[in-house]
Amino acid sequence: MPLSLQQRSAYVGSVLGTGGRVVRLDSLADSLLRSMESAAATVSESLFEPVIRLGVTGLARSGKTVFITGLVANLLDRGRMPQLRAAAEGAIRVAWLHPQPDLTLPRFDFETHMAALTGPEPHWPESTRSISELRLSFRVQPGGLLGSMSGPRRVHLDIVDYPGEWLLDLALLDSDFATWAAESLKRMAGRPGADAFLAKAAAVDAAGPHDETLARELADAFAAALQSARRAGFSDCTPGRFLLPGDLAGAPVVTFAPLHAPAAAVRRGSLWREMERRYEGYKREVVRPFFREHFTRIDRQVVLVDALGAIHSGPAAVADMRRVLAEVLAAFRPGRNGWLMRLLAGRRVERILFAATKADRLHHSQHGRLTAIMEAMLREARDRAAFAGAATEAMALSAWRTTIEETRDHNGRRLECVRGVRLKTRREAAFWAGDLPENPMELLSAAGSGEWLAGDYGAMEFVPPGFSPRPGEGPPHIRLDRAAEFLFGDRLR
C-alpha cells in the first residue's frame, strides 16, 4: 500500500531523529519510494493491463485534430473498420473512453471536436496548439488456446497529441548557434514573406551592444517569416515555439533570431552573444524537457503530412518536405543522441506511419500514385537519415471523408472527379484535381517543375458532410482501419 508523505516523514524521523539532515534524507526517501511505486505501476500495467502510447503529430495543415477525432470515433463504433483485424474478428469486445493517467496534461477534447463535426452546422474544429492526451480502453479477448483459458483483458491506448514543429526542434540539439543561424538564413532566402526579416538581419551589427528593443523586433520579424513560410506550404518552420509559443510568448527564451556571423570575435554583452545565450536556453529549457518527459515514452508514432498541399505549392515546398521527413526519421534513429538514448533506457518507437492526409480530395484512382510519392519520399529519408530501427510505412488516407466520387465528360475527355460542399461558398461543386505523375521521381527530382495538380485544387476546401451514422458505425473515412492495424492492431489480438 503506498505510503503518504506524512507516513514517510514519520518513518524517516523515527529512524534518524530530527534536524536539518533528516529533512534532506526524508526528501531522498520520498523520491525513492515514489520511484518504487512508479516502477510497480509500470510492471502491473505491462503484465495485466498493457498500455500502448501512440504519438500523433503533424506537419503544417495536416489535420491532426480531425485525425484523432475520426480515429477515436471509429474505434468506439467499429462498423467501418474491417481492416483492423481485432475488430473484424471480434477480439475487441468493447471500447470506452477512460480517465487519462497523466493528471498534468490537458485532455484531448474529443467530445467538443465531435460536436463541431457532427452538429446541425458541421464545421472543422479548432486546431490544438499544445500537447494533450486521451486514453481509450478496450476489453479484448485474446486468441488461441491460452486466450480462451485466460478470458478477456484490458488494453489501454494512450493517444499523445503534440505539434509537429516540436518534433523538428530535435535537430536543433545537434547545432550550435552559429551553424543554426547560417543554415536558417540560407534556407529562408527566396521563401515567401521572408524579405522583411532578411533585410533587417542584414542591416544589423551582430557585434554591437545588445539592445532589447532590437532583439524583440528581430524575433517578431523572424516569427512572421516562419508563419508566412508555413502558409505557403513549407514544412520546416523551426523553432516550433515561434509558431506556437503558448505561455512562453514574450519570454527571452523565444526572443532570438538568426544573425549573420561577425567577421571578428565578439565580446560579452554583444547582440550576438545574447542571441546565442537565448538559443542555447531554448534547447536546454524547452526542447530537452519535452523529449525527456513525453517523446521518450512513445511506443508507436504517426506523422501526418499534407503532401497534396506541398505538391500544389510547387517544387520548393516538395523539396522542403523531403528534407523534413529525413529529419523526422533521424529523430527516431537509435543512437543519434547519447543523452536521449540514456533516457530511453532501451525503449524505442516500434512502428512509425507517415500518412498523406486529405486523400478524399482525389479520386481513388489517384491514391496509388499519392502513396507511391510518399513511399519514395520515405525511402530517400531513410537513406539520408541512415535510419535503421522502427518499422515504417507510408499511406494515403482521410480520417473524415468529405467527398463522393463521380466521372464527367469534359472536351471529349473522361475526368474522374470528387464532389463536396465548398467551405467558402457552402455550395456543392465537383472538382478534378489533376493527375499526379505515374513515376514519383518526376515530382521529386530537384530539377522537377510543372503542375501536378490543376489550378482548381486550391479551391478544394470542403465542409464536413452531415453525419447520421447507423448503429455501431463511426464517420466515413479512407484507410483509417489500415492505419490502425499497422500502428497498434498487433497489440489488440
Protein backbone atom coordinates (compact mmCIF):
# COMPACT_ATOMS: atom_id res chain seq x y z
CA MET A 1 0.00 0.00 0.00
CA PRO A 2 1.52 3.39 -0.94
CA LEU A 3 2.72 5.50 1.98
CA SER A 4 1.52 9.06 2.47
CA LEU A 5 4.02 11.89 2.68
CA GLN A 6 3.33 12.18 6.43
CA GLN A 7 3.96 8.47 6.96
CA ARG A 8 7.23 8.67 5.05
CA SER A 9 8.36 11.65 7.14
CA ALA A 10 7.43 9.89 10.40
CA TYR A 11 9.27 6.74 9.39
CA VAL A 12 12.47 8.53 8.43
CA GLY A 13 12.26 10.73 11.55
CA SER A 14 11.84 7.74 13.84
CA VAL A 15 14.99 6.13 12.47
CA LEU A 16 17.27 9.13 12.12
CA GLY A 17 15.95 11.70 14.58
CA THR A 18 15.23 15.32 13.74
CA GLY A 19 17.20 18.22 12.32
CA GLY A 20 18.29 19.64 9.01
CA ARG A 21 19.93 16.41 7.90
CA VAL A 22 16.71 14.44 8.36
CA VAL A 23 14.84 16.82 6.08
CA ARG A 24 17.28 16.10 3.29
CA LEU A 25 17.15 12.33 3.86
CA ASP A 26 13.37 12.47 4.07
CA SER A 27 13.31 14.12 0.66
CA LEU A 28 15.57 11.38 -0.69
CA ALA A 29 13.40 8.65 0.87
CA ASP A 30 10.28 10.23 -0.62
CA SER A 31 11.89 10.28 -4.04
CA LEU A 32 12.96 6.64 -3.76
CA LEU A 33 9.53 5.50 -2.62
CA ARG A 34 7.86 7.38 -5.47
CA SER A 35 10.24 5.71 -7.92
CA MET A 36 9.42 2.28 -6.49
CA GLU A 37 5.69 2.93 -6.69
CA SER A 38 6.04 4.14 -10.29
CA ALA A 39 8.05 1.06 -11.21
CA ALA A 40 5.47 -1.20 -9.58
CA ALA A 41 2.68 0.51 -11.53
CA THR A 42 4.63 0.07 -14.76
CA VAL A 43 5.13 -3.66 -14.12
CA SER A 44 1.44 -4.05 -13.26
CA GLU A 45 0.40 -2.34 -16.48
CA SER A 46 2.82 -4.41 -18.57
CA LEU A 47 1.64 -7.72 -17.10
CA PHE A 48 -2.08 -7.19 -16.55
CA GLU A 49 -3.30 -4.07 -18.40
CA PRO A 50 -0.89 -3.32 -21.27
CA VAL A 51 -0.61 0.30 -22.38
CA ILE A 52 0.13 1.42 -25.94
CA ARG A 53 1.36 5.01 -26.14
CA LEU A 54 0.59 6.37 -29.61
CA GLY A 55 2.22 9.65 -30.55
CA VAL A 56 0.28 11.71 -33.10
CA THR A 57 1.98 14.66 -34.72
CA GLY A 58 1.55 16.51 -37.96
CA LEU A 59 3.31 18.95 -40.19
CA ALA A 60 1.61 22.17 -41.26
CA ARG A 61 -2.14 21.89 -42.02
CA SER A 62 -2.14 18.10 -41.94
CA GLY A 63 -5.41 17.72 -39.99
CA LYS A 64 -4.13 16.30 -36.71
CA THR A 65 -7.20 17.15 -34.62
CA VAL A 66 -9.54 15.63 -37.20
CA PHE A 67 -7.36 12.51 -37.46
CA ILE A 68 -7.50 11.84 -33.71
CA THR A 69 -11.24 12.58 -33.54
CA GLY A 70 -12.02 10.33 -36.51
CA LEU A 71 -9.79 7.54 -35.21
CA VAL A 72 -11.33 7.53 -31.74
CA ALA A 73 -14.88 7.71 -33.11
CA ASN A 74 -14.23 4.72 -35.35
CA LEU A 75 -12.61 2.73 -32.54
CA LEU A 76 -15.62 3.32 -30.31
CA ASP A 77 -18.01 2.24 -33.12
CA ARG A 78 -16.06 -0.13 -35.36
CA GLY A 79 -18.54 -0.87 -38.15
CA ARG A 80 -16.32 0.91 -40.70
CA MET A 81 -13.04 -0.73 -39.55
CA PRO A 82 -12.95 -4.07 -41.43
CA GLN A 83 -9.16 -4.00 -41.95
CA LEU A 84 -8.50 -3.71 -38.22
CA ARG A 85 -8.31 -7.44 -37.61
CA ALA A 86 -9.19 -7.27 -33.91
CA ALA A 87 -12.43 -5.51 -34.87
CA ALA A 88 -13.25 -7.76 -37.84
CA GLU A 89 -12.59 -10.97 -35.86
CA GLY A 90 -14.47 -9.81 -32.77
CA ALA A 91 -11.45 -9.72 -30.47
CA ILE A 92 -12.46 -6.23 -29.29
CA ARG A 93 -15.47 -6.80 -27.09
CA VAL A 94 -15.99 -3.18 -26.05
CA ALA A 95 -14.16 0.16 -26.13
CA TRP A 96 -14.66 3.22 -23.96
CA LEU A 97 -13.00 6.50 -23.01
CA HIS A 98 -11.13 6.25 -19.75
CA PRO A 99 -9.64 8.96 -17.48
CA GLN A 100 -6.11 9.64 -18.63
CA PRO A 101 -3.23 8.62 -16.36
CA ASP A 102 -1.22 11.84 -16.61
CA LEU A 103 -3.00 14.42 -14.49
CA THR A 104 -0.65 17.22 -15.58
CA LEU A 105 -1.53 17.13 -19.30
CA PRO A 106 -4.61 18.72 -20.88
CA ARG A 107 -7.14 16.18 -22.09
CA PHE A 108 -7.76 16.00 -25.83
CA ASP A 109 -11.26 17.46 -26.12
CA PHE A 110 -12.81 14.66 -28.15
CA GLU A 111 -16.43 15.48 -27.28
CA THR A 112 -16.19 19.14 -28.35
CA HIS A 113 -14.46 18.21 -31.61
CA MET A 114 -17.10 15.57 -32.38
CA ALA A 115 -19.84 18.11 -31.70
CA ALA A 116 -18.24 20.52 -34.18
CA LEU A 117 -18.04 17.85 -36.88
CA THR A 118 -21.47 16.31 -36.38
CA GLY A 119 -23.66 19.20 -35.16
CA PRO A 120 -26.53 20.89 -37.02
CA GLU A 121 -23.99 23.10 -38.84
CA PRO A 122 -20.89 20.90 -39.22
CA HIS A 123 -17.56 22.73 -39.18
CA TRP A 124 -13.91 21.91 -38.70
CA PRO A 125 -12.80 22.02 -35.06
CA GLU A 126 -10.18 24.40 -33.73
CA SER A 127 -6.63 23.11 -34.03
CA THR A 128 -4.86 22.03 -30.88
CA ARG A 129 -1.87 24.24 -30.19
CA SER A 130 -0.12 22.32 -27.45
CA ILE A 131 0.32 18.81 -26.11
CA SER A 132 -2.72 16.82 -24.97
CA GLU A 133 -3.64 13.23 -24.16
CA LEU A 134 -6.60 10.88 -24.38
CA ARG A 135 -6.97 7.32 -23.08
CA LEU A 136 -9.12 4.82 -24.95
CA SER A 137 -9.57 1.47 -23.21
CA PHE A 138 -10.51 -1.87 -24.77
CA ARG A 139 -11.76 -5.14 -23.38
CA VAL A 140 -10.07 -7.66 -25.64
CA GLN A 141 -10.46 -11.43 -25.92
CA PRO A 142 -7.03 -12.85 -26.89
CA GLY A 143 -6.99 -15.60 -29.50
CA GLY A 144 -5.65 -19.12 -29.24
CA LEU A 145 -5.93 -21.71 -26.51
CA LEU A 146 -4.29 -19.61 -23.83
CA GLY A 147 -6.53 -16.69 -24.69
CA SER A 148 -9.69 -18.76 -24.31
CA MET A 149 -8.47 -20.01 -20.94
CA SER A 150 -7.48 -16.59 -19.60
CA GLY A 151 -10.61 -14.70 -20.63
CA PRO A 152 -10.86 -11.02 -21.71
CA ARG A 153 -8.26 -8.48 -20.63
CA ARG A 154 -7.96 -4.71 -20.69
CA VAL A 155 -5.67 -2.87 -23.09
CA HIS A 156 -5.22 0.91 -22.93
CA LEU A 157 -4.40 3.16 -25.88
CA ASP A 158 -2.94 6.48 -24.73
CA ILE A 159 -3.01 8.96 -27.61
CA VAL A 160 -0.47 11.76 -27.16
CA ASP A 161 -1.12 14.72 -29.43
CA TYR A 162 1.74 17.17 -29.99
CA PRO A 163 2.69 19.73 -32.69
CA GLY A 164 5.00 18.51 -35.44
CA GLU A 165 7.12 21.64 -35.11
CA TRP A 166 8.14 20.43 -31.65
CA LEU A 167 9.44 17.18 -33.12
CA LEU A 168 11.53 19.06 -35.69
CA ASP A 169 13.14 21.02 -32.86
CA LEU A 170 15.19 17.93 -32.03
CA ALA A 171 17.50 18.80 -34.92
CA LEU A 172 18.50 21.97 -33.04
CA LEU A 173 20.24 19.89 -30.39
CA ASP A 174 22.94 18.97 -32.89
CA SER A 175 23.68 22.57 -33.91
CA ASP A 176 25.35 25.49 -32.17
CA PHE A 177 24.01 28.98 -32.70
CA ALA A 178 26.44 29.91 -35.49
CA THR A 179 25.61 26.78 -37.52
CA TRP A 180 21.87 27.12 -36.98
CA ALA A 181 21.90 30.82 -37.87
CA ALA A 182 23.80 30.28 -41.12
CA GLU A 183 21.55 27.41 -42.20
CA SER A 184 18.36 29.27 -41.29
CA LEU A 185 19.31 32.39 -43.24
CA LYS A 186 20.25 30.30 -46.27
CA ARG A 187 17.00 28.31 -46.10
CA MET A 188 14.84 31.44 -45.80
CA ALA A 189 16.27 33.08 -48.90
CA GLY A 190 13.59 33.01 -51.59
CA ARG A 191 10.77 31.91 -49.29
CA PRO A 192 7.56 33.95 -49.42
CA GLY A 193 7.32 36.58 -46.69
CA ALA A 194 10.99 36.35 -45.66
CA ASP A 195 12.31 39.50 -47.35
CA ALA A 196 11.49 41.88 -44.50
CA PHE A 197 13.31 39.78 -41.92
CA LEU A 198 16.29 39.08 -44.17
CA ALA A 199 16.70 42.81 -44.84
CA LYS A 200 16.54 43.57 -41.13
CA ALA A 201 19.06 40.84 -40.29
CA ALA A 202 21.45 42.08 -42.99
CA ALA A 203 21.38 45.60 -41.55
CA VAL A 204 22.21 44.55 -38.00
CA ASP A 205 25.69 44.76 -36.49
CA ALA A 206 25.75 41.49 -34.55
CA ALA A 207 28.98 42.51 -32.81
CA GLY A 208 27.36 45.68 -31.44
CA PRO A 209 25.90 46.00 -27.96
CA HIS A 210 22.73 44.10 -27.13
CA ASP A 211 19.56 46.17 -27.34
CA GLU A 212 16.34 44.55 -26.13
CA THR A 213 14.09 46.57 -28.42
CA LEU A 214 16.12 45.47 -31.44
CA ALA A 215 16.12 41.86 -30.20
CA ARG A 216 12.33 41.86 -30.00
CA GLU A 217 11.98 43.43 -33.44
CA LEU A 218 14.24 40.76 -34.92
CA ALA A 219 12.41 37.94 -33.13
CA ASP A 220 8.99 39.25 -34.22
CA ALA A 221 10.12 39.62 -37.84
CA PHE A 222 11.63 36.13 -37.75
CA ALA A 223 8.41 34.62 -36.35
CA ALA A 224 6.36 36.42 -39.03
CA ALA A 225 8.62 34.98 -41.72
CA LEU A 226 8.13 31.47 -40.31
CA GLN A 227 4.36 31.94 -40.30
CA SER A 228 4.45 33.08 -43.94
CA ALA A 229 6.52 30.06 -44.94
CA ARG A 230 4.10 27.77 -43.19
CA ARG A 231 1.11 29.29 -45.02
CA ALA A 232 2.99 28.88 -48.31
CA GLY A 233 3.26 25.11 -47.79
CA PHE A 234 6.75 24.81 -46.30
CA SER A 235 7.23 22.19 -43.59
CA ASP A 236 10.47 23.20 -41.90
CA CYS A 237 9.46 26.22 -39.84
CA THR A 238 11.50 25.87 -36.67
CA PRO A 239 11.93 26.70 -33.82
CA GLY A 240 8.46 25.32 -33.22
CA ARG A 241 7.58 27.55 -30.25
CA PHE A 242 7.93 30.62 -32.50
CA LEU A 243 4.76 29.38 -34.22
CA LEU A 244 3.05 28.09 -31.07
CA PRO A 245 4.61 29.95 -28.13
CA GLY A 246 1.80 29.30 -25.65
CA ASP A 247 2.73 30.58 -22.18
CA LEU A 248 6.28 31.31 -23.42
CA ALA A 249 5.08 34.27 -25.50
CA GLY A 250 7.31 37.25 -24.82
CA ALA A 251 9.86 35.28 -22.79
CA PRO A 252 13.56 35.78 -23.65
CA VAL A 253 13.82 32.07 -24.46
CA VAL A 254 11.71 32.72 -27.60
CA THR A 255 13.11 36.19 -28.29
CA PHE A 256 16.05 35.45 -30.57
CA ALA A 257 16.71 35.22 -34.30
CA PRO A 258 19.42 34.04 -36.70
CA LEU A 259 22.11 36.64 -37.45
CA HIS A 260 24.99 36.91 -39.88
CA ALA A 261 28.18 35.90 -38.09
CA PRO A 262 30.50 38.83 -37.25
CA ALA A 263 33.83 38.93 -39.08
CA ALA A 264 35.81 39.06 -35.83
CA ALA A 265 35.46 37.66 -32.33
CA VAL A 266 32.66 39.20 -30.30
CA ARG A 267 32.67 40.17 -26.66
CA ARG A 268 30.23 39.57 -23.86
CA GLY A 269 27.25 41.90 -23.89
CA SER A 270 27.02 41.93 -27.67
CA LEU A 271 23.81 41.19 -29.59
CA TRP A 272 25.39 38.02 -31.00
CA ARG A 273 26.30 36.68 -27.54
CA GLU A 274 22.82 37.37 -26.16
CA MET A 275 21.13 35.70 -29.12
CA GLU A 276 23.46 32.75 -28.68
CA ARG A 277 22.65 32.55 -24.96
CA ARG A 278 18.90 32.53 -25.64
CA TYR A 279 19.24 29.92 -28.39
CA GLU A 280 21.11 27.60 -26.02
CA GLY A 281 18.48 28.32 -23.35
CA TYR A 282 15.73 27.34 -25.79
CA LYS A 283 17.41 23.98 -26.35
CA ARG A 284 18.03 23.42 -22.65
CA GLU A 285 14.77 24.70 -21.15
CA VAL A 286 12.24 23.95 -23.91
CA VAL A 287 13.41 21.23 -26.29
CA ARG A 288 15.11 18.79 -23.93
CA PRO A 289 12.30 18.69 -21.32
CA PHE A 290 9.72 17.84 -23.99
CA PHE A 291 11.69 14.89 -25.27
CA ARG A 292 12.59 13.76 -21.78
CA GLU A 293 9.03 13.91 -20.39
CA HIS A 294 6.93 12.88 -23.38
CA PHE A 295 8.75 11.80 -26.51
CA THR A 296 10.81 9.06 -24.82
CA ARG A 297 7.67 7.27 -23.61
CA ILE A 298 6.06 6.79 -27.04
CA ASP A 299 5.69 3.22 -28.41
CA ARG A 300 4.08 3.87 -31.80
CA GLN A 301 4.02 7.06 -33.87
CA VAL A 302 2.03 8.53 -36.74
CA VAL A 303 3.33 11.56 -38.65
CA LEU A 304 0.61 13.31 -40.69
CA VAL A 305 1.68 15.13 -43.84
CA ASP A 306 -0.23 17.46 -46.15
CA ALA A 307 1.61 16.08 -49.16
CA LEU A 308 -1.04 17.33 -51.60
CA GLY A 309 -0.66 20.87 -50.28
CA ALA A 310 3.12 20.73 -50.76
CA ILE A 311 2.75 19.31 -54.26
CA HIS A 312 0.32 22.06 -55.19
CA SER A 313 2.67 24.70 -53.74
CA GLY A 314 5.45 23.63 -56.08
CA PRO A 315 8.92 22.05 -56.25
CA ALA A 316 10.43 24.18 -53.46
CA ALA A 317 7.78 23.04 -50.96
CA VAL A 318 8.19 19.41 -52.05
CA ALA A 319 11.98 19.61 -51.63
CA ASP A 320 11.47 21.11 -48.18
CA MET A 321 9.13 18.27 -47.20
CA ARG A 322 11.65 15.67 -48.37
CA ARG A 323 14.31 17.16 -46.12
CA VAL A 324 11.90 17.39 -43.17
CA LEU A 325 10.96 13.70 -43.45
CA ALA A 326 14.65 12.84 -43.21
CA GLU A 327 14.94 14.96 -40.06
CA VAL A 328 11.85 13.32 -38.57
CA LEU A 329 13.28 9.85 -39.15
CA ALA A 330 16.60 10.97 -37.71
CA ALA A 331 14.75 11.95 -34.52
CA PHE A 332 13.73 8.30 -34.10
CA ARG A 333 17.12 6.86 -35.05
CA PRO A 334 18.70 4.76 -32.29
CA GLY A 335 21.98 6.18 -31.04
CA ARG A 336 21.60 9.64 -32.54
CA ASN A 337 21.79 11.46 -29.22
CA GLY A 338 23.64 9.92 -26.29
CA TRP A 339 21.51 11.75 -23.72
CA LEU A 340 18.32 10.66 -25.48
CA MET A 341 19.33 7.02 -25.54
CA ARG A 342 20.18 7.13 -21.84
CA LEU A 343 16.71 8.43 -21.13
CA LEU A 344 15.12 5.79 -23.35
CA ALA A 345 16.81 3.06 -21.26
CA GLY A 346 16.42 0.55 -24.06
CA ARG A 347 12.94 1.68 -25.20
CA ARG A 348 12.31 2.92 -28.68
CA VAL A 349 9.45 3.60 -31.05
CA GLU A 350 8.50 0.31 -32.69
CA ARG A 351 6.38 1.50 -35.63
CA ILE A 352 6.07 4.80 -37.48
CA LEU A 353 3.37 5.60 -40.03
CA PHE A 354 3.83 8.50 -42.45
CA ALA A 355 0.34 9.35 -43.65
CA ALA A 356 -0.56 11.66 -46.53
CA THR A 357 -3.86 13.15 -45.35
CA LYS A 358 -6.82 14.63 -47.26
CA ALA A 359 -6.87 11.76 -49.76
CA ASP A 360 -10.59 12.42 -50.20
CA ARG A 361 -9.67 15.39 -52.40
CA LEU A 362 -8.51 12.93 -55.06
CA HIS A 363 -10.42 10.24 -56.91
CA HIS A 364 -9.43 6.80 -55.64
CA SER A 365 -7.68 6.11 -58.96
CA GLN A 366 -5.02 8.64 -57.87
CA HIS A 367 -4.49 7.27 -54.36
CA GLY A 368 -1.93 4.72 -55.52
CA ARG A 369 0.18 7.48 -57.04
CA LEU A 370 -0.04 9.58 -53.88
CA THR A 371 1.06 6.60 -51.80
CA ALA A 372 3.93 5.93 -54.22
CA ILE A 373 5.10 9.55 -53.81
CA MET A 374 5.05 9.16 -50.02
CA GLU A 375 6.91 5.86 -50.24
CA ALA A 376 9.56 7.42 -52.48
CA MET A 377 9.99 10.29 -50.02
CA LEU A 378 10.25 7.82 -47.17
CA ARG A 379 12.85 5.67 -48.94
CA GLU A 380 15.02 8.69 -49.55
CA ALA A 381 14.50 9.90 -45.99
CA ARG A 382 15.63 6.53 -44.66
CA ASP A 383 18.78 6.68 -46.76
CA ARG A 384 19.59 10.28 -45.79
CA ALA A 385 18.99 9.60 -42.11
CA ALA A 386 20.93 6.31 -42.19
CA PHE A 387 17.85 5.00 -40.40
CA ALA A 388 17.53 1.52 -39.00
CA GLY A 389 15.15 0.72 -36.21
CA ALA A 390 11.39 1.08 -36.18
CA ALA A 391 9.18 -0.44 -38.86
CA THR A 392 7.93 2.32 -41.15
CA GLU A 393 5.12 2.56 -43.65
CA ALA A 394 3.62 5.20 -45.95
CA MET A 395 -0.07 5.55 -46.67
CA ALA A 396 -2.66 7.89 -48.18
CA LEU A 397 -5.77 8.34 -46.03
CA SER A 398 -8.58 10.60 -44.93
CA ALA A 399 -9.75 10.49 -41.33
CA TRP A 400 -13.06 12.22 -42.12
CA ARG A 401 -14.26 11.81 -45.69
CA THR A 402 -15.87 14.94 -47.15
CA THR A 403 -16.46 13.99 -50.80
CA ILE A 404 -18.09 11.47 -53.10
CA GLU A 405 -16.68 10.41 -56.48
CA GLU A 406 -18.09 10.86 -59.96
CA THR A 407 -16.91 10.76 -63.57
CA ARG A 408 -17.59 13.62 -66.01
CA ASP A 409 -17.05 14.21 -69.71
CA HIS A 410 -15.12 17.41 -70.49
CA ASN A 411 -13.96 18.35 -74.01
CA GLY A 412 -14.02 14.72 -75.06
CA ARG A 413 -12.07 13.56 -72.01
CA ARG A 414 -13.31 11.48 -69.10
CA LEU A 415 -12.40 13.22 -65.84
CA GLU A 416 -12.53 11.37 -62.52
CA CYS A 417 -13.78 13.99 -60.06
CA VAL A 418 -14.75 14.42 -56.43
CA ARG A 419 -17.83 16.31 -55.28
CA GLY A 420 -18.33 18.12 -51.99
CA VAL A 421 -19.68 21.28 -50.37
CA ARG A 422 -17.16 24.11 -50.69
CA LEU A 423 -16.01 25.70 -47.46
CA LYS A 424 -16.13 29.28 -48.79
CA THR A 425 -19.41 29.27 -50.69
CA ARG A 426 -21.28 26.49 -48.87
CA ARG A 427 -22.36 25.27 -52.29
CA GLU A 428 -21.84 21.84 -53.77
CA ALA A 429 -19.27 21.58 -56.56
CA ALA A 430 -17.34 18.93 -58.44
CA PHE A 431 -13.57 19.23 -58.93
CA TRP A 432 -10.89 17.48 -60.92
CA ALA A 433 -7.62 17.90 -59.10
CA GLY A 434 -5.38 16.90 -61.99
CA ASP A 435 -3.18 13.87 -62.43
CA LEU A 436 -0.22 13.05 -60.25
CA PRO A 437 2.77 11.64 -62.17
CA GLU A 438 2.97 7.87 -62.53
CA ASN A 439 6.68 7.99 -61.72
CA PRO A 440 7.23 9.67 -58.32
CA MET A 441 10.74 10.74 -59.32
CA GLU A 442 9.27 13.12 -61.89
CA LEU A 443 7.94 15.07 -58.94
CA LEU A 444 10.82 14.51 -56.52
CA SER A 445 13.61 15.36 -58.94
CA ALA A 446 15.48 18.52 -57.90
CA ALA A 447 15.02 19.80 -61.45
CA GLY A 448 11.34 18.92 -61.45
CA SER A 449 8.85 21.58 -62.36
CA GLY A 450 5.33 21.54 -63.62
CA GLU A 451 1.76 21.39 -62.41
CA TRP A 452 0.76 18.05 -60.97
CA LEU A 453 -2.49 19.34 -59.54
CA ALA A 454 -4.86 21.52 -61.51
CA GLY A 455 -5.36 25.16 -60.58
CA ASP A 456 -8.75 24.28 -59.13
CA TYR A 457 -7.03 22.27 -56.40
CA GLY A 458 -6.57 25.45 -54.39
CA ALA A 459 -10.36 25.84 -54.17
CA MET A 460 -10.88 22.30 -52.87
CA GLU A 461 -11.67 23.12 -49.26
CA PHE A 462 -14.78 21.23 -48.21
CA VAL A 463 -17.01 21.33 -45.15
CA PRO A 464 -17.60 18.14 -43.16
CA PRO A 465 -20.72 16.43 -44.51
CA GLY A 466 -23.77 15.81 -42.41
CA PHE A 467 -23.28 12.63 -40.43
CA SER A 468 -26.15 10.33 -39.45
CA PRO A 469 -24.45 7.06 -38.60
CA ARG A 470 -26.13 3.70 -38.40
CA PRO A 471 -25.78 1.95 -35.03
CA GLY A 472 -22.22 0.75 -34.49
CA GLU A 473 -20.70 2.82 -37.32
CA GLY A 474 -18.24 5.68 -36.99
CA PRO A 475 -17.79 8.52 -39.50
CA PRO A 476 -16.78 7.71 -43.10
CA HIS A 477 -13.03 7.63 -43.77
CA ILE A 478 -10.40 6.33 -46.18
CA ARG A 479 -7.94 3.67 -44.89
CA LEU A 480 -8.17 4.67 -41.25
CA ASP A 481 -8.67 0.98 -40.42
CA ARG A 482 -5.45 0.06 -42.26
CA ALA A 483 -3.59 2.76 -40.36
CA ALA A 484 -4.89 1.44 -37.03
CA GLU A 485 -3.93 -2.12 -37.94
CA PHE A 486 -0.36 -1.13 -38.73
CA LEU A 487 0.04 1.13 -35.69
CA PHE A 488 -1.38 -1.00 -32.89
CA GLY A 489 -3.51 -3.86 -34.32
CA ASP A 490 -0.95 -6.44 -33.17
CA ARG A 491 -1.46 -5.38 -29.54
CA LEU A 492 -5.24 -5.91 -29.65
CA ARG A 493 -5.24 -9.62 -30.50
